[in-house]
Amino acid sequence: MTTSGRKKTLMVALVLLLFRAPAVWACSCEDRSTAELYSDATAVFVARITKAEMKSGSAGLWNAGKNHIEVSYSLVEAFKGNPASEGLVLDADYGGGNCSIGFKVSAVYVIFLYGNQHVHYCGGTRGAYGSSILDDLRDLASRSGQ
């Protein structure tokens, strides 16, 4: 390779290093059916988000960094357990592949709780509309006598 060819190769390598794509973090969950999530949960319900406020500290959330989100809700429909008509759940500060929900005020979510107030995507909590999850949950609740 000539000196000119080496310079071009080095220049291309340098440009590629400078303009490489940033690292991306993604949420990775075990594939679990709605029935499995329902069976393991202590409470499953649909709620409209009334307030979402960032607070300092992790609040014991395994996936939170320096902050967490306190999310207030108003109950729309209960499938399992006895959720309060108005209550609070905790989410990690959204981002960084931490499987947080990123709640939006006024939006409606299906919430799965497992003995505490902590929610995350891998636990089943997600937007309530646009999928068959509500029909599945109604069916599961009727079969379990809830």
Protein backbone atom coordinates (compact mmCIF):
# COMPACT_ATOMS: atom_id res chain seq x y z
CA MET A 1 0.00 0.00 0.00
CA THR A 2 1.33 3.42 -0.88
CA THR A 3 1.76 6.26 1.58
CA SER A 4 -1.22 8.00 -0.04
CA GLY A 5 -3.38 4.84 0.37
CA ARG A 6 -2.42 4.50 4.04
CA LYS A 7 -3.29 8.13 4.68
CA LYS A 8 -6.72 7.66 3.08
CA THR A 9 -7.36 4.51 5.10
CA LEU A 10 -6.30 6.24 8.30
CA MET A 11 -8.48 9.25 7.48
CA VAL A 12 -11.54 7.04 6.83
CA ALA A 13 -10.94 5.15 10.09
CA LEU A 14 -10.62 8.42 12.00
CA VAL A 15 -13.86 9.78 10.49
CA LEU A 16 -15.70 6.56 11.36
CA LEU A 17 -14.48 6.77 14.97
CA LEU A 18 -15.54 10.40 15.31
CA PHE A 19 -19.01 9.91 13.83
CA ARG A 20 -19.92 6.50 15.18
CA ALA A 21 -23.40 5.91 16.54
CA PRO A 22 -23.80 6.47 20.28
CA ALA A 23 -24.28 3.50 22.58
CA VAL A 24 -27.90 2.44 22.94
CA TRP A 25 -29.37 0.79 26.01
CA ALA A 26 -32.46 -1.34 25.61
CA CYS A 27 -34.92 -2.88 27.99
CA SER A 28 -34.74 -6.66 27.84
CA CYS A 29 -37.48 -8.77 29.40
CA GLU A 30 -38.28 -12.44 29.73
CA ASP A 31 -41.16 -13.30 27.39
CA ARG A 32 -44.17 -13.93 29.66
CA SER A 33 -47.81 -14.35 28.74
CA THR A 34 -50.57 -12.15 30.13
CA ALA A 35 -51.81 -15.19 32.09
CA GLU A 36 -48.39 -15.65 33.73
CA LEU A 37 -48.14 -11.96 34.62
CA TYR A 38 -51.69 -12.02 36.02
CA SER A 39 -51.04 -15.15 38.06
CA ASP A 40 -47.90 -13.73 39.69
CA ALA A 41 -49.30 -10.25 40.40
CA THR A 42 -50.97 -9.28 43.68
CA ALA A 43 -53.02 -6.57 41.91
CA VAL A 44 -53.92 -5.89 38.28
CA PHE A 45 -55.97 -2.89 37.25
CA VAL A 46 -56.54 -0.15 34.69
CA ALA A 47 -55.88 3.40 35.83
CA ARG A 48 -55.84 6.92 34.43
CA ILE A 49 -52.70 8.83 35.38
CA THR A 50 -53.50 12.06 37.21
CA LYS A 51 -50.00 13.21 38.17
CA ALA A 52 -46.38 12.19 37.57
CA GLU A 53 -43.71 13.90 39.64
CA MET A 54 -39.95 13.33 39.74
CA LYS A 55 -38.52 12.78 43.22
CA SER A 56 -34.95 12.42 44.47
CA GLY A 57 -33.59 8.98 45.32
CA SER A 58 -34.25 5.51 43.98
CA ALA A 59 -37.12 4.70 46.43
CA GLY A 60 -35.88 1.10 46.42
CA LEU A 61 -36.51 0.65 42.70
CA TRP A 62 -33.96 -1.80 41.30
CA ASN A 63 -33.87 0.00 37.94
CA ALA A 64 -33.77 3.63 39.12
CA GLY A 65 -30.75 5.83 39.03
CA LYS A 66 -30.66 9.02 41.05
CA ASN A 67 -34.38 9.76 40.76
CA HIS A 68 -37.75 8.05 40.64
CA ILE A 69 -41.22 9.09 39.53
CA GLU A 70 -44.22 9.15 41.86
CA VAL A 71 -47.29 8.47 39.75
CA SER A 72 -50.80 9.22 41.02
CA TYR A 73 -53.71 7.41 39.43
CA SER A 74 -57.48 7.16 39.42
CA LEU A 75 -58.85 3.61 39.16
CA VAL A 76 -60.78 2.78 35.99
CA GLU A 77 -61.24 -1.01 36.29
CA ALA A 78 -59.89 -3.67 38.67
CA PHE A 79 -59.10 -7.24 37.62
CA LYS A 80 -57.25 -8.64 40.63
CA GLY A 81 -56.61 -7.54 44.19
CA ASN A 82 -58.12 -4.47 45.82
CA PRO A 83 -56.44 -1.39 44.35
CA ALA A 84 -57.40 1.96 45.86
CA SER A 85 -59.78 4.15 43.87
CA GLU A 86 -57.00 6.74 43.94
CA GLY A 87 -53.44 5.70 44.59
CA LEU A 88 -49.75 5.99 43.93
CA VAL A 89 -47.22 3.80 42.10
CA LEU A 90 -43.47 4.30 41.67
CA ASP A 91 -41.55 4.20 38.39
CA ALA A 92 -37.88 4.66 37.62
CA ASP A 93 -36.80 7.87 35.94
CA TYR A 94 -37.44 7.13 32.24
CA GLY A 95 -34.44 6.27 30.06
CA GLY A 96 -31.24 4.32 29.78
CA GLY A 97 -32.86 0.98 29.02
CA ASN A 98 -34.11 0.60 32.59
CA CYS A 99 -37.54 -0.78 31.59
CA SER A 100 -39.37 2.15 33.14
CA ILE A 101 -42.81 3.06 31.81
CA GLY A 102 -42.55 6.79 31.13
CA PHE A 103 -46.09 7.52 32.32
CA LYS A 104 -48.00 10.34 30.64
CA VAL A 105 -50.60 12.32 32.61
CA SER A 106 -54.18 11.65 31.42
CA ALA A 107 -53.17 8.43 29.65
CA VAL A 108 -54.65 5.08 30.68
CA TYR A 109 -52.46 2.12 31.68
CA VAL A 110 -52.80 -1.50 32.74
CA ILE A 111 -50.86 -1.75 36.00
CA PHE A 112 -49.47 -4.98 37.46
CA LEU A 113 -48.27 -4.82 41.08
CA TYR A 114 -46.27 -7.50 42.87
CA GLY A 115 -46.61 -6.77 46.58
CA ASN A 116 -45.31 -3.21 46.42
CA GLN A 117 -45.89 0.02 44.51
CA HIS A 118 -43.04 -0.50 42.02
CA VAL A 119 -43.89 -0.84 38.34
CA HIS A 120 -41.81 -1.59 35.25
CA TYR A 121 -42.36 -2.76 31.71
CA CYS A 122 -41.11 -6.32 32.34
CA GLY A 123 -43.75 -6.68 35.04
CA GLY A 124 -46.51 -6.15 32.50
CA THR A 125 -47.43 -2.50 33.12
CA ARG A 126 -48.14 -0.74 29.82
CA GLY A 127 -50.57 1.43 27.91
CA ALA A 128 -54.10 0.01 28.15
CA TYR A 129 -55.33 0.48 24.62
CA GLY A 130 -54.30 -0.81 21.24
CA SER A 131 -53.98 -4.47 22.17
CA SER A 132 -56.10 -7.38 23.29
CA ILE A 133 -54.76 -7.23 26.86
CA LEU A 134 -58.01 -5.84 28.33
CA ASP A 135 -60.07 -8.70 26.88
CA ASP A 136 -57.48 -11.18 28.16
CA LEU A 137 -57.55 -9.67 31.65
CA ARG A 138 -61.36 -9.65 31.80
CA ASP A 139 -61.35 -13.31 30.82
CA LEU A 140 -58.70 -14.19 33.43
CA ALA A 141 -60.57 -12.27 36.14
CA SER A 142 -63.86 -14.02 35.38
CA ARG A 143 -62.20 -17.46 35.45
CA SER A 144 -60.48 -16.71 38.77
CA GLY A 145 -63.65 -15.38 40.41
CA GLN A 146 -62.33 -11.82 40.85
